[in-house]
Amino acid sequence: MSKRIILNETSYFGKGAIKEIINELQSRHFQKILVTTGEDLLEFGVATKVTDLLRDAGINFEVYTDIKPNPTIENIKNGVDVCKRFDAQAIVAIGGGSIIDASKAIGIIMTNPEFSDVRSLEGLAETKNKSLPIIAVSTTAGTAAEVTINYVITDVEKKRKFVCVDPHDIPVVAIVDPDMSASMP
């Protein structure tokens, strides 16, 4: 019996791995990036380690921080709106499972607009197109959101969470750099 394993195109592990983000974006010719992260990660200077690299490389980016722990349908819809307005070519997700999960949903809806009703992503989604490319920069240990094909969304209205599984949502690049989690308070 065979088993299917779906992996990222590229993963970087180790101290200083975040510097590879610029090479990955430039080699893919991405110039407009939606950076998804949390307010606290900006405040503590964690996300700025990446945004400083983007700024220094002359890469145009917009930061979206309206993502709660256990991201909500509203967080996803707002993120899609920001991504569309900015006309982002890719997403750089800086955070733990919640940030990366929200980024997966945003990326999938961007390339599969027929799933704009976020609830339609529940279970095994029958999307046709790969997500907007995501570079996932993990700031935590344990969720593995940067290398998996599933994500969780909170439905506040119905008071429940639901799991989405989609081989099209896996980040194209995973960055696991201990410098991104060692400085967390």
N, C-alpha and C. Protein backbone atom coordinates (compact mmCIF):
# COMPACT_ATOMS: atom_id res chain seq x y z
N MET A 1 0.84 -1.17 0.00
CA MET A 1 0.00 0.00 0.00
C MET A 1 0.89 1.24 0.00
N SER A 2 0.58 2.17 -0.87
CA SER A 2 1.38 3.40 -0.94
C SER A 2 0.70 4.53 -0.17
N LYS A 3 1.51 5.47 0.27
CA LYS A 3 1.02 6.66 0.97
C LYS A 3 1.53 7.88 0.23
N ARG A 4 0.71 8.90 0.16
CA ARG A 4 1.12 10.15 -0.50
C ARG A 4 1.59 11.13 0.56
N ILE A 5 2.73 11.76 0.30
CA ILE A 5 3.26 12.81 1.16
C ILE A 5 3.41 14.05 0.31
N ILE A 6 2.86 15.15 0.79
CA ILE A 6 2.98 16.42 0.08
C ILE A 6 3.89 17.32 0.89
N LEU A 7 4.96 17.79 0.25
CA LEU A 7 5.95 18.61 0.93
C LEU A 7 6.06 19.97 0.26
N ASN A 8 6.65 20.92 0.98
CA ASN A 8 6.93 22.23 0.40
C ASN A 8 7.89 22.05 -0.77
N GLU A 9 7.89 23.05 -1.67
CA GLU A 9 8.90 23.05 -2.73
C GLU A 9 10.29 23.19 -2.11
N THR A 10 10.39 24.07 -1.10
CA THR A 10 11.67 24.37 -0.49
C THR A 10 11.48 24.65 0.99
N SER A 11 12.39 24.17 1.81
CA SER A 11 12.40 24.48 3.24
C SER A 11 13.81 24.87 3.64
N TYR A 12 13.90 25.90 4.46
CA TYR A 12 15.18 26.34 5.01
C TYR A 12 15.12 26.20 6.52
N PHE A 13 16.16 25.60 7.09
CA PHE A 13 16.25 25.43 8.53
C PHE A 13 17.60 25.96 8.99
N GLY A 14 17.59 26.65 10.12
CA GLY A 14 18.84 27.06 10.73
C GLY A 14 18.95 28.55 10.94
N LYS A 15 19.94 28.90 11.72
CA LYS A 15 20.21 30.29 12.07
C LYS A 15 20.49 31.10 10.82
N GLY A 16 19.79 32.21 10.68
CA GLY A 16 19.97 33.07 9.52
C GLY A 16 19.16 32.69 8.30
N ALA A 17 18.31 31.68 8.42
CA ALA A 17 17.53 31.20 7.27
C ALA A 17 16.59 32.26 6.70
N ILE A 18 16.17 33.24 7.53
CA ILE A 18 15.24 34.26 7.01
C ILE A 18 15.84 35.06 5.88
N LYS A 19 17.16 35.13 5.80
CA LYS A 19 17.81 35.88 4.71
C LYS A 19 17.49 35.28 3.35
N GLU A 20 17.10 34.01 3.32
CA GLU A 20 16.76 33.34 2.05
C GLU A 20 15.46 33.86 1.45
N ILE A 21 14.65 34.55 2.25
CA ILE A 21 13.37 35.07 1.75
C ILE A 21 13.60 35.95 0.53
N ILE A 22 14.59 36.81 0.59
CA ILE A 22 14.85 37.73 -0.53
C ILE A 22 15.20 36.96 -1.79
N ASN A 23 16.08 35.98 -1.69
CA ASN A 23 16.44 35.17 -2.86
C ASN A 23 15.22 34.46 -3.44
N GLU A 24 14.38 33.93 -2.56
CA GLU A 24 13.18 33.22 -3.03
C GLU A 24 12.22 34.18 -3.74
N LEU A 25 11.99 35.34 -3.17
CA LEU A 25 11.08 36.31 -3.79
C LEU A 25 11.64 36.81 -5.12
N GLN A 26 12.92 37.13 -5.15
CA GLN A 26 13.52 37.66 -6.38
C GLN A 26 13.60 36.60 -7.46
N SER A 27 13.92 35.36 -7.11
CA SER A 27 14.00 34.32 -8.14
C SER A 27 12.63 33.99 -8.73
N ARG A 28 11.59 34.29 -7.99
CA ARG A 28 10.22 34.06 -8.47
C ARG A 28 9.62 35.34 -9.05
N HIS A 29 10.39 36.41 -9.07
CA HIS A 29 10.00 37.71 -9.64
C HIS A 29 8.78 38.32 -8.94
N PHE A 30 8.68 38.13 -7.62
CA PHE A 30 7.61 38.73 -6.84
C PHE A 30 8.06 40.08 -6.32
N GLN A 31 7.28 41.10 -6.60
CA GLN A 31 7.62 42.46 -6.18
C GLN A 31 6.58 43.09 -5.25
N LYS A 32 5.38 42.50 -5.17
CA LYS A 32 4.32 43.04 -4.30
C LYS A 32 3.90 41.93 -3.34
N ILE A 33 4.23 42.12 -2.07
CA ILE A 33 4.07 41.07 -1.08
C ILE A 33 3.10 41.50 0.01
N LEU A 34 2.16 40.62 0.35
CA LEU A 34 1.34 40.82 1.53
C LEU A 34 2.05 40.12 2.67
N VAL A 35 2.42 40.88 3.70
CA VAL A 35 3.03 40.31 4.90
C VAL A 35 1.91 40.14 5.92
N THR A 36 1.69 38.91 6.34
CA THR A 36 0.70 38.63 7.38
C THR A 36 1.44 38.33 8.66
N THR A 37 1.02 38.97 9.73
CA THR A 37 1.67 38.77 11.03
C THR A 37 0.75 39.30 12.11
N GLY A 38 1.21 39.25 13.34
CA GLY A 38 0.43 39.76 14.46
C GLY A 38 1.00 41.07 14.98
N GLU A 39 0.12 41.88 15.55
CA GLU A 39 0.56 43.16 16.14
C GLU A 39 1.69 42.94 17.13
N ASP A 40 1.56 41.90 17.97
CA ASP A 40 2.59 41.65 18.98
C ASP A 40 3.94 41.30 18.35
N LEU A 41 3.92 40.62 17.23
CA LEU A 41 5.19 40.28 16.56
C LEU A 41 5.86 41.51 15.98
N LEU A 42 5.07 42.49 15.58
CA LEU A 42 5.64 43.78 15.16
C LEU A 42 6.18 44.53 16.37
N GLU A 43 5.36 44.58 17.41
CA GLU A 43 5.74 45.32 18.62
C GLU A 43 7.04 44.81 19.23
N PHE A 44 7.23 43.49 19.25
CA PHE A 44 8.42 42.91 19.86
C PHE A 44 9.60 42.82 18.89
N GLY A 45 9.43 43.33 17.67
CA GLY A 45 10.53 43.37 16.72
C GLY A 45 10.82 42.07 16.00
N VAL A 46 9.95 41.09 16.13
CA VAL A 46 10.17 39.80 15.47
C VAL A 46 9.87 39.92 13.98
N ALA A 47 8.69 40.42 13.64
CA ALA A 47 8.30 40.54 12.23
C ALA A 47 9.16 41.57 11.50
N THR A 48 9.64 42.56 12.23
CA THR A 48 10.46 43.59 11.57
C THR A 48 11.79 43.04 11.09
N LYS A 49 12.22 41.90 11.62
CA LYS A 49 13.43 41.25 11.09
C LYS A 49 13.23 40.91 9.61
N VAL A 50 12.01 40.56 9.26
CA VAL A 50 11.69 40.22 7.87
C VAL A 50 11.34 41.48 7.07
N THR A 51 10.50 42.35 7.63
CA THR A 51 10.11 43.54 6.87
C THR A 51 11.33 44.44 6.59
N ASP A 52 12.29 44.46 7.48
CA ASP A 52 13.53 45.21 7.23
C ASP A 52 14.28 44.63 6.03
N LEU A 53 14.32 43.31 5.93
CA LEU A 53 14.96 42.67 4.77
C LEU A 53 14.24 43.04 3.48
N LEU A 54 12.90 43.01 3.51
CA LEU A 54 12.11 43.36 2.33
C LEU A 54 12.36 44.81 1.93
N ARG A 55 12.34 45.69 2.91
CA ARG A 55 12.56 47.13 2.65
C ARG A 55 13.96 47.35 2.05
N ASP A 56 14.97 46.73 2.65
CA ASP A 56 16.35 46.90 2.17
C ASP A 56 16.54 46.37 0.75
N ALA A 57 15.74 45.36 0.38
CA ALA A 57 15.84 44.78 -0.97
C ALA A 57 14.97 45.53 -1.97
N GLY A 58 14.23 46.54 -1.51
CA GLY A 58 13.39 47.31 -2.42
C GLY A 58 12.12 46.58 -2.83
N ILE A 59 11.69 45.63 -2.03
CA ILE A 59 10.47 44.87 -2.33
C ILE A 59 9.28 45.59 -1.69
N ASN A 60 8.27 45.86 -2.49
CA ASN A 60 7.07 46.55 -2.05
C ASN A 60 6.20 45.59 -1.24
N PHE A 61 5.77 46.02 -0.06
CA PHE A 61 4.94 45.14 0.76
C PHE A 61 3.90 45.93 1.53
N GLU A 62 2.84 45.22 1.89
CA GLU A 62 1.75 45.73 2.73
C GLU A 62 1.65 44.77 3.91
N VAL A 63 1.49 45.30 5.12
CA VAL A 63 1.40 44.46 6.31
C VAL A 63 -0.07 44.34 6.73
N TYR A 64 -0.50 43.12 6.97
CA TYR A 64 -1.86 42.83 7.47
C TYR A 64 -1.73 42.14 8.81
N THR A 65 -2.28 42.76 9.86
CA THR A 65 -2.14 42.21 11.22
C THR A 65 -3.47 41.85 11.88
N ASP A 66 -4.57 42.00 11.19
CA ASP A 66 -5.88 41.73 11.80
C ASP A 66 -6.17 40.24 11.81
N ILE A 67 -5.34 39.50 12.53
CA ILE A 67 -5.50 38.05 12.63
C ILE A 67 -5.47 37.68 14.11
N LYS A 68 -6.56 37.13 14.58
CA LYS A 68 -6.66 36.73 15.98
C LYS A 68 -6.04 35.34 16.18
N PRO A 69 -5.64 35.03 17.40
CA PRO A 69 -5.34 33.61 17.68
C PRO A 69 -6.61 32.83 17.35
N ASN A 70 -6.49 31.72 16.68
CA ASN A 70 -7.65 31.00 16.16
C ASN A 70 -8.39 31.90 15.17
N PRO A 71 -7.81 32.13 13.99
CA PRO A 71 -8.33 33.12 13.05
C PRO A 71 -9.78 32.88 12.69
N THR A 72 -10.49 34.00 12.54
CA THR A 72 -11.93 33.95 12.28
C THR A 72 -12.23 34.14 10.79
N ILE A 73 -13.45 33.83 10.43
CA ILE A 73 -13.92 34.05 9.07
C ILE A 73 -13.72 35.52 8.69
N GLU A 74 -14.05 36.41 9.61
CA GLU A 74 -13.89 37.85 9.35
C GLU A 74 -12.41 38.20 9.10
N ASN A 75 -11.48 37.62 9.87
CA ASN A 75 -10.06 37.87 9.63
C ASN A 75 -9.67 37.47 8.21
N ILE A 76 -10.20 36.35 7.75
CA ILE A 76 -9.88 35.85 6.40
C ILE A 76 -10.45 36.80 5.35
N LYS A 77 -11.72 37.16 5.49
CA LYS A 77 -12.35 38.05 4.52
C LYS A 77 -11.62 39.39 4.44
N ASN A 78 -11.27 39.95 5.59
CA ASN A 78 -10.54 41.22 5.59
C ASN A 78 -9.17 41.07 4.94
N GLY A 79 -8.51 39.95 5.21
CA GLY A 79 -7.21 39.69 4.60
C GLY A 79 -7.28 39.57 3.09
N VAL A 80 -8.33 38.92 2.60
CA VAL A 80 -8.53 38.80 1.15
C VAL A 80 -8.74 40.20 0.55
N ASP A 81 -9.53 41.03 1.22
CA ASP A 81 -9.76 42.39 0.73
C ASP A 81 -8.45 43.18 0.64
N VAL A 82 -7.61 43.09 1.66
CA VAL A 82 -6.32 43.79 1.65
C VAL A 82 -5.43 43.25 0.54
N CYS A 83 -5.41 41.94 0.40
CA CYS A 83 -4.58 41.30 -0.63
C CYS A 83 -5.01 41.74 -2.03
N LYS A 84 -6.31 41.80 -2.26
CA LYS A 84 -6.83 42.24 -3.55
C LYS A 84 -6.50 43.70 -3.82
N ARG A 85 -6.76 44.57 -2.84
CA ARG A 85 -6.49 46.01 -3.00
C ARG A 85 -5.02 46.27 -3.31
N PHE A 86 -4.15 45.52 -2.64
CA PHE A 86 -2.71 45.71 -2.83
C PHE A 86 -2.22 45.01 -4.10
N ASP A 87 -3.01 44.09 -4.63
CA ASP A 87 -2.65 43.29 -5.80
C ASP A 87 -1.37 42.49 -5.54
N ALA A 88 -1.35 41.84 -4.37
CA ALA A 88 -0.17 41.07 -3.95
C ALA A 88 0.07 39.88 -4.87
N GLN A 89 1.34 39.62 -5.10
CA GLN A 89 1.75 38.47 -5.91
C GLN A 89 2.06 37.25 -5.05
N ALA A 90 2.30 37.48 -3.76
CA ALA A 90 2.65 36.41 -2.84
C ALA A 90 2.39 36.88 -1.42
N ILE A 91 2.42 35.93 -0.50
CA ILE A 91 2.23 36.21 0.92
C ILE A 91 3.46 35.75 1.68
N VAL A 92 3.95 36.58 2.58
CA VAL A 92 4.97 36.17 3.54
C VAL A 92 4.27 36.15 4.89
N ALA A 93 4.08 34.95 5.44
CA ALA A 93 3.38 34.76 6.71
C ALA A 93 4.41 34.62 7.82
N ILE A 94 4.37 35.53 8.79
CA ILE A 94 5.34 35.53 9.88
C ILE A 94 4.58 35.29 11.17
N GLY A 95 4.71 34.10 11.73
CA GLY A 95 4.01 33.82 12.97
C GLY A 95 3.89 32.33 13.23
N GLY A 96 2.98 32.03 14.13
CA GLY A 96 2.69 30.64 14.46
C GLY A 96 1.54 30.11 13.64
N GLY A 97 0.90 29.09 14.17
CA GLY A 97 -0.16 28.42 13.43
C GLY A 97 -1.30 29.32 13.00
N SER A 98 -1.71 30.24 13.84
CA SER A 98 -2.86 31.11 13.50
C SER A 98 -2.55 32.00 12.30
N ILE A 99 -1.38 32.61 12.30
CA ILE A 99 -1.00 33.49 11.18
C ILE A 99 -0.87 32.68 9.89
N ILE A 100 -0.21 31.56 9.97
CA ILE A 100 0.00 30.73 8.77
C ILE A 100 -1.33 30.14 8.30
N ASP A 101 -2.18 29.71 9.23
CA ASP A 101 -3.49 29.18 8.84
C ASP A 101 -4.32 30.25 8.11
N ALA A 102 -4.35 31.45 8.67
CA ALA A 102 -5.09 32.53 8.02
C ALA A 102 -4.53 32.81 6.63
N SER A 103 -3.22 32.78 6.51
CA SER A 103 -2.57 33.04 5.22
C SER A 103 -2.93 31.98 4.18
N LYS A 104 -3.03 30.74 4.62
CA LYS A 104 -3.44 29.67 3.70
C LYS A 104 -4.85 29.94 3.16
N ALA A 105 -5.77 30.30 4.04
CA ALA A 105 -7.14 30.58 3.60
C ALA A 105 -7.18 31.78 2.66
N ILE A 106 -6.45 32.83 3.00
CA ILE A 106 -6.40 34.02 2.14
C ILE A 106 -5.84 33.65 0.77
N GLY A 107 -4.74 32.91 0.76
CA GLY A 107 -4.10 32.52 -0.50
C GLY A 107 -4.98 31.66 -1.37
N ILE A 108 -5.71 30.73 -0.76
CA ILE A 108 -6.61 29.85 -1.52
C ILE A 108 -7.76 30.65 -2.13
N ILE A 109 -8.36 31.55 -1.35
CA ILE A 109 -9.48 32.33 -1.88
C ILE A 109 -9.02 33.27 -2.99
N MET A 110 -7.81 33.78 -2.88
CA MET A 110 -7.29 34.67 -3.93
C MET A 110 -7.23 33.97 -5.28
N THR A 111 -6.90 32.71 -5.31
CA THR A 111 -6.75 31.99 -6.58
C THR A 111 -7.95 31.10 -6.91
N ASN A 112 -8.86 30.98 -5.97
CA ASN A 112 -10.08 30.19 -6.16
C ASN A 112 -11.26 31.01 -5.62
N PRO A 113 -11.61 32.10 -6.31
CA PRO A 113 -12.63 33.02 -5.77
C PRO A 113 -14.00 32.37 -5.57
N GLU A 114 -14.25 31.25 -6.20
CA GLU A 114 -15.53 30.56 -5.99
C GLU A 114 -15.65 30.04 -4.55
N PHE A 115 -14.54 30.08 -3.79
CA PHE A 115 -14.55 29.67 -2.38
C PHE A 115 -14.54 30.88 -1.45
N SER A 116 -15.01 32.02 -1.92
CA SER A 116 -14.99 33.23 -1.09
C SER A 116 -15.88 33.11 0.15
N ASP A 117 -16.85 32.21 0.12
CA ASP A 117 -17.58 31.88 1.35
C ASP A 117 -16.63 30.97 2.13
N VAL A 118 -16.00 31.52 3.13
CA VAL A 118 -14.93 30.81 3.85
C VAL A 118 -15.39 29.45 4.35
N ARG A 119 -16.65 29.34 4.73
CA ARG A 119 -17.17 28.05 5.21
C ARG A 119 -17.09 26.96 4.14
N SER A 120 -17.06 27.35 2.88
CA SER A 120 -17.00 26.36 1.79
C SER A 120 -15.65 25.64 1.74
N LEU A 121 -14.68 26.13 2.49
CA LEU A 121 -13.36 25.50 2.53
C LEU A 121 -13.30 24.34 3.53
N GLU A 122 -14.34 24.17 4.32
CA GLU A 122 -14.33 23.13 5.36
C GLU A 122 -14.16 21.75 4.75
N GLY A 123 -13.42 20.91 5.46
CA GLY A 123 -13.19 19.54 5.01
C GLY A 123 -12.15 19.52 3.90
N LEU A 124 -12.31 18.57 3.00
CA LEU A 124 -11.40 18.47 1.86
C LEU A 124 -11.94 19.35 0.75
N ALA A 125 -11.35 20.52 0.58
CA ALA A 125 -11.83 21.48 -0.41
C ALA A 125 -11.44 21.02 -1.82
N GLU A 126 -12.36 21.16 -2.73
CA GLU A 126 -12.13 20.75 -4.12
C GLU A 126 -11.63 21.95 -4.95
N THR A 127 -10.63 22.63 -4.45
CA THR A 127 -10.09 23.77 -5.20
C THR A 127 -9.36 23.27 -6.44
N LYS A 128 -9.28 24.13 -7.44
CA LYS A 128 -8.63 23.75 -8.69
C LYS A 128 -7.24 24.37 -8.83
N ASN A 129 -7.02 25.50 -8.15
CA ASN A 129 -5.77 26.25 -8.34
C ASN A 129 -4.95 26.28 -7.06
N LYS A 130 -3.63 26.27 -7.25
CA LYS A 130 -2.74 26.42 -6.11
C LYS A 130 -2.95 27.79 -5.49
N SER A 131 -2.70 27.86 -4.20
CA SER A 131 -2.79 29.10 -3.45
C SER A 131 -1.86 30.15 -4.04
N LEU A 132 -2.19 31.41 -3.78
CA LEU A 132 -1.21 32.45 -4.00
C LEU A 132 0.04 31.99 -3.25
N PRO A 133 1.22 32.09 -3.85
CA PRO A 133 2.41 31.54 -3.19
C PRO A 133 2.61 32.13 -1.79
N ILE A 134 2.91 31.23 -0.85
CA ILE A 134 3.14 31.62 0.54
C ILE A 134 4.54 31.22 0.96
N ILE A 135 5.25 32.16 1.57
CA ILE A 135 6.50 31.84 2.26
C ILE A 135 6.15 31.93 3.74
N ALA A 136 6.22 30.81 4.42
CA ALA A 136 5.82 30.73 5.83
C ALA A 136 7.05 30.78 6.72
N VAL A 137 7.09 31.79 7.59
CA VAL A 137 8.19 31.98 8.51
C VAL A 137 7.67 31.66 9.91
N SER A 138 8.05 30.53 10.44
CA SER A 138 7.54 30.09 11.73
C SER A 138 8.23 30.83 12.87
N THR A 139 7.41 31.26 13.84
CA THR A 139 7.96 31.90 15.05
C THR A 139 7.67 31.06 16.28
N THR A 140 7.13 29.88 16.09
CA THR A 140 6.81 28.98 17.20
C THR A 140 7.29 27.58 16.84
N ALA A 141 7.25 26.71 17.80
CA ALA A 141 7.58 25.31 17.56
C ALA A 141 6.35 24.48 17.90
N GLY A 142 6.01 23.56 17.04
CA GLY A 142 4.95 22.63 17.40
C GLY A 142 3.78 22.54 16.47
N THR A 143 3.37 23.61 15.79
CA THR A 143 2.17 23.51 14.97
C THR A 143 2.45 22.87 13.61
N ALA A 144 3.63 23.09 13.07
CA ALA A 144 4.02 22.61 11.74
C ALA A 144 3.14 23.16 10.63
N ALA A 145 2.47 24.28 10.89
CA ALA A 145 1.60 24.89 9.88
C ALA A 145 2.37 25.25 8.61
N GLU A 146 3.67 25.49 8.74
CA GLU A 146 4.48 25.88 7.59
C GLU A 146 4.73 24.73 6.62
N VAL A 147 4.43 23.50 7.02
CA VAL A 147 4.71 22.35 6.15
C VAL A 147 3.53 21.40 5.99
N THR A 148 2.33 21.83 6.37
CA THR A 148 1.18 20.94 6.28
C THR A 148 0.12 21.48 5.32
N ILE A 149 -0.84 20.62 4.98
CA ILE A 149 -1.89 20.99 4.02
C ILE A 149 -3.23 21.25 4.70
N ASN A 150 -3.21 21.49 5.98
CA ASN A 150 -4.47 21.74 6.67
C ASN A 150 -4.38 23.04 7.46
N TYR A 151 -5.54 23.58 7.80
CA TYR A 151 -5.61 24.79 8.61
C TYR A 151 -6.97 24.83 9.30
N VAL A 152 -7.04 25.64 10.36
CA VAL A 152 -8.25 25.71 11.17
C VAL A 152 -8.76 27.15 11.17
N ILE A 153 -10.07 27.29 11.01
CA ILE A 153 -10.73 28.60 11.01
C ILE A 153 -11.83 28.57 12.08
N THR A 154 -12.01 29.71 12.75
CA THR A 154 -13.06 29.83 13.76
C THR A 154 -14.29 30.51 13.16
N ASP A 155 -15.42 29.86 13.33
CA ASP A 155 -16.71 30.40 12.91
C ASP A 155 -17.37 30.98 14.16
N VAL A 156 -17.19 32.27 14.38
CA VAL A 156 -17.70 32.94 15.57
C VAL A 156 -19.21 32.87 15.63
N GLU A 157 -19.86 33.08 14.48
CA GLU A 157 -21.33 33.08 14.43
C GLU A 157 -21.92 31.75 14.89
N LYS A 158 -21.31 30.65 14.45
CA LYS A 158 -21.83 29.32 14.80
C LYS A 158 -21.12 28.72 16.02
N LYS A 159 -20.19 29.48 16.61
CA LYS A 159 -19.48 29.06 17.82
C LYS A 159 -18.80 27.71 17.65
N ARG A 160 -17.96 27.63 16.60
CA ARG A 160 -17.25 26.39 16.33
C ARG A 160 -16.00 26.67 15.52
N LYS A 161 -15.12 25.69 15.47
CA LYS A 161 -13.95 25.74 14.60
C LYS A 161 -14.14 24.67 13.54
N PHE A 162 -13.55 24.90 12.39
CA PHE A 162 -13.58 23.86 11.37
C PHE A 162 -12.22 23.72 10.71
N VAL A 163 -11.95 22.50 10.27
CA VAL A 163 -10.66 22.16 9.67
C VAL A 163 -10.82 22.15 8.15
N CYS A 164 -9.84 22.73 7.48
CA CYS A 164 -9.79 22.73 6.02
C CYS A 164 -8.55 21.93 5.61
N VAL A 165 -8.71 21.10 4.61
CA VAL A 165 -7.61 20.28 4.11
C VAL A 165 -7.54 20.47 2.61
N ASP A 166 -6.38 20.89 2.12
CA ASP A 166 -6.26 21.20 0.71
C ASP A 166 -4.81 21.11 0.27
N PRO A 167 -4.47 20.18 -0.60
CA PRO A 167 -3.09 20.09 -1.06
C PRO A 167 -2.61 21.32 -1.82
N HIS A 168 -3.55 22.18 -2.22
CA HIS A 168 -3.16 23.41 -2.93
C HIS A 168 -2.72 24.53 -1.99
N ASP A 169 -2.88 24.35 -0.67
CA ASP A 169 -2.60 25.45 0.25
C ASP A 169 -1.22 25.41 0.89
N ILE A 170 -0.44 24.39 0.66
CA ILE A 170 0.85 24.28 1.35
C ILE A 170 1.78 25.41 0.92
N PRO A 171 2.42 26.06 1.89
CA PRO A 171 3.36 27.12 1.52
C PRO A 171 4.44 26.60 0.56
N VAL A 172 4.83 27.42 -0.40
CA VAL A 172 5.87 26.99 -1.34
C VAL A 172 7.23 26.96 -0.67
N VAL A 173 7.42 27.82 0.34
CA VAL A 173 8.69 27.87 1.08
C VAL A 173 8.38 27.92 2.56
N ALA A 174 9.11 27.12 3.33
CA ALA A 174 9.04 27.17 4.79
C ALA A 174 10.38 27.65 5.31
N ILE A 175 10.33 28.57 6.26
CA ILE A 175 11.54 29.09 6.89
C ILE A 175 11.44 28.79 8.39
N VAL A 176 12.37 28.01 8.89
CA VAL A 176 12.42 27.72 10.32
C VAL A 176 13.79 28.18 10.81
N ASP A 177 13.79 29.38 11.38
CA ASP A 177 15.01 30.04 11.83
C ASP A 177 14.91 30.26 13.32
N PRO A 178 15.81 29.68 14.12
CA PRO A 178 15.70 29.84 15.57
C PRO A 178 15.74 31.29 16.03
N ASP A 179 16.32 32.17 15.24
CA ASP A 179 16.33 33.60 15.60
C ASP A 179 14.93 34.19 15.62
N MET A 180 14.00 33.57 14.91
CA MET A 180 12.63 34.09 14.86
C MET A 180 11.81 33.68 16.07
N SER A 181 12.26 32.69 16.81
CA SER A 181 11.53 32.30 18.02
C SER A 181 12.31 32.56 19.29
N ALA A 182 13.62 32.65 19.20
CA ALA A 182 14.45 32.84 20.40
C ALA A 182 14.22 34.20 21.05
N SER A 183 13.80 35.18 20.27
CA SER A 183 13.63 36.52 20.82
C SER A 183 12.21 36.75 21.35
N MET A 184 11.36 35.76 21.26
CA MET A 184 9.99 35.91 21.76
C MET A 184 10.01 36.07 23.27
N PRO A 185 9.14 36.94 23.81
CA PRO A 185 9.13 37.14 25.27
C PRO A 185 8.64 35.90 26.00
